Amino acid sequence: MSTDEKLNHILVKVSNMEASHETLVKDVHNISVSVNSIHRRVDTLDSCIDVHARMLKLLAYKSIDNEARNRRNNLIFRGIGEDRGETDVCCLGVSTGLLFLRN
């Protein structure tokens, strides 16, 4: 092989390497853009999860408070026995009968 052929061969190889290098630089840039986009999305999702966790905790506290308020409004009758399997209608009949007996 002559010197000119060797130099041409080297030039072709260098040109191919430069083209490959440019392609790799573009690919790395695209990957960097994608990673940054994913990072922003993860940050957004993380903040949404924090907000939902706080809202869920607030909802749990409100539910407990509502249950406590409802329990305060319950009437407690002492001295009336309870039977297993009785219904609200049975209880209403017993309580109505007791109210009428006292008058």
N, C-alpha and C. Protein backbone atom coordinates (compact mmCIF):
# COMPACT_ATOMS: atom_id res chain seq x y z
N MET A 1 0.85 -1.16 0.00
CA MET A 1 0.00 0.00 0.00
C MET A 1 0.90 1.23 0.00
N SER A 2 0.48 2.17 -0.81
CA SER A 2 1.28 3.39 -0.89
C SER A 2 0.93 4.32 0.25
N THR A 3 1.70 5.35 0.42
CA THR A 3 1.49 6.33 1.48
C THR A 3 0.17 7.05 1.28
N ASP A 4 -0.16 7.37 0.03
CA ASP A 4 -1.43 8.05 -0.25
C ASP A 4 -2.62 7.18 0.12
N GLU A 5 -2.55 5.91 -0.19
CA GLU A 5 -3.64 4.99 0.15
C GLU A 5 -3.78 4.84 1.67
N LYS A 6 -2.65 4.80 2.34
CA LYS A 6 -2.67 4.70 3.80
C LYS A 6 -3.28 5.95 4.42
N LEU A 7 -2.90 7.12 3.90
CA LEU A 7 -3.46 8.38 4.43
C LEU A 7 -4.96 8.47 4.13
N ASN A 8 -5.38 8.05 2.94
CA ASN A 8 -6.80 8.05 2.59
C ASN A 8 -7.57 7.10 3.51
N HIS A 9 -6.99 5.95 3.78
CA HIS A 9 -7.62 4.98 4.67
C HIS A 9 -7.76 5.55 6.09
N ILE A 10 -6.71 6.21 6.55
CA ILE A 10 -6.75 6.86 7.88
C ILE A 10 -7.79 7.97 7.89
N LEU A 11 -7.87 8.75 6.82
CA LEU A 11 -8.84 9.84 6.72
C LEU A 11 -10.27 9.30 6.76
N VAL A 12 -10.53 8.21 6.09
CA VAL A 12 -11.87 7.59 6.09
C VAL A 12 -12.21 7.12 7.51
N LYS A 13 -11.25 6.50 8.17
CA LYS A 13 -11.48 6.03 9.53
C LYS A 13 -11.76 7.19 10.48
N VAL A 14 -11.01 8.26 10.36
CA VAL A 14 -11.20 9.44 11.22
C VAL A 14 -12.56 10.07 10.93
N SER A 15 -12.94 10.14 9.67
CA SER A 15 -14.25 10.70 9.31
C SER A 15 -15.38 9.87 9.90
N ASN A 16 -15.24 8.56 9.83
CA ASN A 16 -16.25 7.66 10.42
C ASN A 16 -16.32 7.83 11.94
N MET A 17 -15.16 7.99 12.56
CA MET A 17 -15.13 8.18 14.01
C MET A 17 -15.76 9.51 14.41
N GLU A 18 -15.52 10.56 13.60
CA GLU A 18 -16.14 11.86 13.89
C GLU A 18 -17.66 11.78 13.76
N ALA A 19 -18.14 11.09 12.75
CA ALA A 19 -19.58 10.93 12.56
C ALA A 19 -20.18 10.14 13.72
N SER A 20 -19.48 9.09 14.14
CA SER A 20 -19.96 8.30 15.28
C SER A 20 -19.95 9.14 16.55
N HIS A 21 -18.92 9.96 16.70
CA HIS A 21 -18.82 10.81 17.88
C HIS A 21 -19.97 11.82 17.91
N GLU A 22 -20.30 12.43 16.77
CA GLU A 22 -21.41 13.38 16.71
C GLU A 22 -22.74 12.69 17.04
N THR A 23 -22.91 11.49 16.54
CA THR A 23 -24.13 10.74 16.84
C THR A 23 -24.22 10.43 18.33
N LEU A 24 -23.10 10.04 18.91
CA LEU A 24 -23.08 9.75 20.35
C LEU A 24 -23.36 11.00 21.18
N VAL A 25 -22.81 12.13 20.77
CA VAL A 25 -23.07 13.38 21.49
C VAL A 25 -24.55 13.73 21.43
N LYS A 26 -25.17 13.56 20.27
CA LYS A 26 -26.61 13.83 20.14
C LYS A 26 -27.41 12.88 21.01
N ASP A 27 -27.02 11.59 21.01
CA ASP A 27 -27.73 10.61 21.84
C ASP A 27 -27.60 10.93 23.32
N VAL A 28 -26.42 11.32 23.75
CA VAL A 28 -26.22 11.69 25.16
C VAL A 28 -27.05 12.92 25.51
N HIS A 29 -27.12 13.88 24.60
CA HIS A 29 -27.94 15.07 24.86
C HIS A 29 -29.42 14.69 24.97
N ASN A 30 -29.90 13.81 24.08
CA ASN A 30 -31.30 13.37 24.14
C ASN A 30 -31.59 12.62 25.44
N ILE A 31 -30.65 11.80 25.85
CA ILE A 31 -30.82 11.07 27.11
C ILE A 31 -30.85 12.04 28.28
N SER A 32 -29.99 13.04 28.24
CA SER A 32 -29.96 14.04 29.32
C SER A 32 -31.28 14.80 29.39
N VAL A 33 -31.83 15.16 28.24
CA VAL A 33 -33.13 15.85 28.22
C VAL A 33 -34.22 14.95 28.77
N SER A 34 -34.20 13.67 28.40
CA SER A 34 -35.20 12.73 28.90
C SER A 34 -35.09 12.54 30.40
N VAL A 35 -33.85 12.42 30.90
CA VAL A 35 -33.66 12.24 32.34
C VAL A 35 -34.14 13.47 33.10
N ASN A 36 -33.85 14.66 32.58
CA ASN A 36 -34.33 15.88 33.23
C ASN A 36 -35.85 15.95 33.25
N SER A 37 -36.48 15.53 32.15
CA SER A 37 -37.94 15.51 32.09
C SER A 37 -38.51 14.52 33.11
N ILE A 38 -37.90 13.35 33.20
CA ILE A 38 -38.36 12.35 34.17
C ILE A 38 -38.15 12.86 35.59
N HIS A 39 -37.04 13.53 35.83
CA HIS A 39 -36.76 14.08 37.16
C HIS A 39 -37.82 15.11 37.56
N ARG A 40 -38.21 15.97 36.62
CA ARG A 40 -39.27 16.96 36.91
C ARG A 40 -40.59 16.26 37.20
N ARG A 41 -40.90 15.21 36.44
CA ARG A 41 -42.15 14.48 36.66
C ARG A 41 -42.15 13.78 38.02
N VAL A 42 -41.01 13.21 38.39
CA VAL A 42 -40.91 12.55 39.70
C VAL A 42 -41.08 13.58 40.81
N ASP A 43 -40.48 14.76 40.66
CA ASP A 43 -40.65 15.82 41.67
C ASP A 43 -42.12 16.23 41.78
N THR A 44 -42.79 16.36 40.63
CA THR A 44 -44.21 16.72 40.63
C THR A 44 -45.04 15.64 41.32
N LEU A 45 -44.77 14.38 41.00
CA LEU A 45 -45.50 13.27 41.62
C LEU A 45 -45.22 13.20 43.12
N ASP A 46 -43.99 13.47 43.51
CA ASP A 46 -43.63 13.46 44.93
C ASP A 46 -44.41 14.52 45.69
N SER A 47 -44.50 15.71 45.11
CA SER A 47 -45.26 16.76 45.79
C SER A 47 -46.75 16.43 45.82
N CYS A 48 -47.27 15.80 44.76
CA CYS A 48 -48.68 15.39 44.76
C CYS A 48 -48.94 14.33 45.82
N ILE A 49 -48.01 13.40 45.98
CA ILE A 49 -48.16 12.36 47.00
C ILE A 49 -48.15 12.98 48.39
N ASP A 50 -47.29 13.98 48.61
CA ASP A 50 -47.26 14.66 49.90
C ASP A 50 -48.59 15.36 50.18
N VAL A 51 -49.14 16.02 49.16
CA VAL A 51 -50.43 16.70 49.33
C VAL A 51 -51.52 15.68 49.63
N HIS A 52 -51.53 14.57 48.90
CA HIS A 52 -52.56 13.55 49.13
C HIS A 52 -52.41 12.92 50.51
N ALA A 53 -51.18 12.73 50.96
CA ALA A 53 -50.97 12.16 52.29
C ALA A 53 -51.52 13.11 53.35
N ARG A 54 -51.26 14.40 53.19
CA ARG A 54 -51.79 15.38 54.16
C ARG A 54 -53.31 15.43 54.12
N MET A 55 -53.88 15.35 52.91
CA MET A 55 -55.34 15.37 52.79
C MET A 55 -55.96 14.12 53.40
N LEU A 56 -55.31 12.97 53.21
CA LEU A 56 -55.81 11.72 53.78
C LEU A 56 -55.77 11.77 55.30
N LYS A 57 -54.70 12.33 55.85
CA LYS A 57 -54.60 12.45 57.30
C LYS A 57 -55.69 13.39 57.83
N LEU A 58 -55.92 14.51 57.13
CA LEU A 58 -56.98 15.44 57.53
C LEU A 58 -58.34 14.76 57.45
N LEU A 59 -58.57 13.98 56.41
CA LEU A 59 -59.84 13.27 56.27
C LEU A 59 -60.02 12.26 57.40
N ALA A 60 -58.95 11.58 57.79
CA ALA A 60 -59.03 10.62 58.90
C ALA A 60 -59.38 11.35 60.19
N TYR A 61 -58.72 12.50 60.44
CA TYR A 61 -59.04 13.27 61.65
C TYR A 61 -60.48 13.76 61.64
N LYS A 62 -60.95 14.21 60.48
CA LYS A 62 -62.34 14.67 60.40
C LYS A 62 -63.32 13.52 60.60
N SER A 63 -62.99 12.35 60.09
CA SER A 63 -63.84 11.18 60.28
C SER A 63 -63.91 10.79 61.75
N ILE A 64 -62.76 10.80 62.43
CA ILE A 64 -62.75 10.49 63.86
C ILE A 64 -63.54 11.53 64.64
N ASP A 65 -63.39 12.80 64.28
CA ASP A 65 -64.13 13.86 64.96
C ASP A 65 -65.62 13.71 64.73
N ASN A 66 -66.01 13.39 63.49
CA ASN A 66 -67.43 13.21 63.19
C ASN A 66 -68.01 12.03 63.96
N GLU A 67 -67.25 10.93 64.05
CA GLU A 67 -67.72 9.78 64.80
C GLU A 67 -67.87 10.12 66.28
N ALA A 68 -66.93 10.88 66.82
CA ALA A 68 -67.01 11.28 68.22
C ALA A 68 -68.22 12.18 68.45
N ARG A 69 -68.47 13.09 67.53
CA ARG A 69 -69.65 13.98 67.67
C ARG A 69 -70.94 13.17 67.62
N ASN A 70 -71.00 12.18 66.73
CA ASN A 70 -72.19 11.35 66.63
C ASN A 70 -72.40 10.52 67.89
N ARG A 71 -71.33 10.06 68.48
CA ARG A 71 -71.45 9.29 69.71
C ARG A 71 -71.95 10.16 70.87
N ARG A 72 -71.59 11.43 70.87
CA ARG A 72 -72.07 12.33 71.92
C ARG A 72 -73.58 12.49 71.87
N ASN A 73 -74.14 12.36 70.68
CA ASN A 73 -75.58 12.56 70.52
C ASN A 73 -76.39 11.29 70.77
N ASN A 74 -75.74 10.17 71.05
CA ASN A 74 -76.45 8.93 71.32
C ASN A 74 -77.06 8.96 72.72
N LEU A 75 -78.22 8.38 72.83
CA LEU A 75 -78.87 8.25 74.13
C LEU A 75 -78.50 6.90 74.73
N ILE A 76 -78.25 6.87 76.03
CA ILE A 76 -77.89 5.63 76.71
C ILE A 76 -78.99 5.30 77.69
N PHE A 77 -79.59 4.12 77.52
CA PHE A 77 -80.63 3.66 78.43
C PHE A 77 -80.03 2.56 79.31
N ARG A 78 -80.15 2.72 80.59
CA ARG A 78 -79.61 1.72 81.52
C ARG A 78 -80.76 0.85 82.02
N GLY A 79 -80.45 -0.39 82.29
CA GLY A 79 -81.44 -1.29 82.86
C GLY A 79 -82.28 -2.02 81.84
N ILE A 80 -82.03 -1.82 80.57
CA ILE A 80 -82.79 -2.52 79.53
C ILE A 80 -81.86 -3.57 78.93
N GLY A 81 -82.25 -4.80 79.00
CA GLY A 81 -81.42 -5.89 78.48
C GLY A 81 -81.41 -5.92 76.97
N GLU A 82 -80.37 -6.48 76.45
CA GLU A 82 -80.26 -6.63 75.00
C GLU A 82 -80.23 -8.11 74.67
N ASP A 83 -80.93 -8.48 73.63
CA ASP A 83 -80.93 -9.86 73.16
C ASP A 83 -80.16 -9.94 71.85
N ARG A 84 -79.50 -11.07 71.70
CA ARG A 84 -78.76 -11.27 70.46
C ARG A 84 -79.75 -11.41 69.31
N GLY A 85 -79.51 -10.69 68.24
CA GLY A 85 -80.36 -10.79 67.05
C GLY A 85 -81.56 -9.87 67.06
N GLU A 86 -81.69 -9.01 68.05
CA GLU A 86 -82.85 -8.11 68.05
C GLU A 86 -82.66 -7.02 67.00
N THR A 87 -83.76 -6.51 66.52
CA THR A 87 -83.73 -5.49 65.47
C THR A 87 -84.08 -4.14 66.05
N ASP A 88 -83.97 -3.13 65.24
CA ASP A 88 -84.31 -1.77 65.68
C ASP A 88 -85.79 -1.66 66.02
N VAL A 89 -86.63 -2.41 65.32
CA VAL A 89 -88.06 -2.36 65.58
C VAL A 89 -88.36 -2.90 66.98
N CYS A 90 -87.67 -4.00 67.36
CA CYS A 90 -87.86 -4.55 68.71
C CYS A 90 -87.43 -3.54 69.77
N CYS A 91 -86.30 -2.91 69.55
CA CYS A 91 -85.79 -1.92 70.51
C CYS A 91 -86.74 -0.74 70.62
N LEU A 92 -87.27 -0.31 69.49
CA LEU A 92 -88.19 0.82 69.50
C LEU A 92 -89.47 0.46 70.26
N GLY A 93 -89.95 -0.77 70.07
CA GLY A 93 -91.15 -1.21 70.79
C GLY A 93 -90.91 -1.27 72.28
N VAL A 94 -89.76 -1.78 72.71
CA VAL A 94 -89.45 -1.87 74.13
C VAL A 94 -89.33 -0.48 74.73
N SER A 95 -88.60 0.42 74.04
CA SER A 95 -88.41 1.76 74.59
C SER A 95 -89.73 2.54 74.62
N THR A 96 -90.57 2.36 73.63
CA THR A 96 -91.86 3.05 73.62
C THR A 96 -92.72 2.52 74.75
N GLY A 97 -92.71 1.20 74.95
CA GLY A 97 -93.48 0.61 76.04
C GLY A 97 -93.02 1.10 77.40
N LEU A 98 -91.71 1.24 77.60
CA LEU A 98 -91.19 1.72 78.87
C LEU A 98 -91.55 3.17 79.13
N LEU A 99 -91.55 3.95 78.06
CA LEU A 99 -91.91 5.37 78.22
C LEU A 99 -93.38 5.50 78.63
N PHE A 100 -94.25 4.67 78.02
CA PHE A 100 -95.66 4.74 78.36
C PHE A 100 -95.92 4.19 79.77
N LEU A 101 -95.12 3.22 80.20
CA LEU A 101 -95.32 2.64 81.54
C LEU A 101 -94.97 3.68 82.62
N ARG A 102 -94.02 4.50 82.38
CA ARG A 102 -93.59 5.46 83.39
C ARG A 102 -94.59 6.59 83.56
N ASN A 103 -95.30 6.93 82.54
CA ASN A 103 -96.27 8.02 82.64
C ASN A 103 -97.47 7.53 83.32
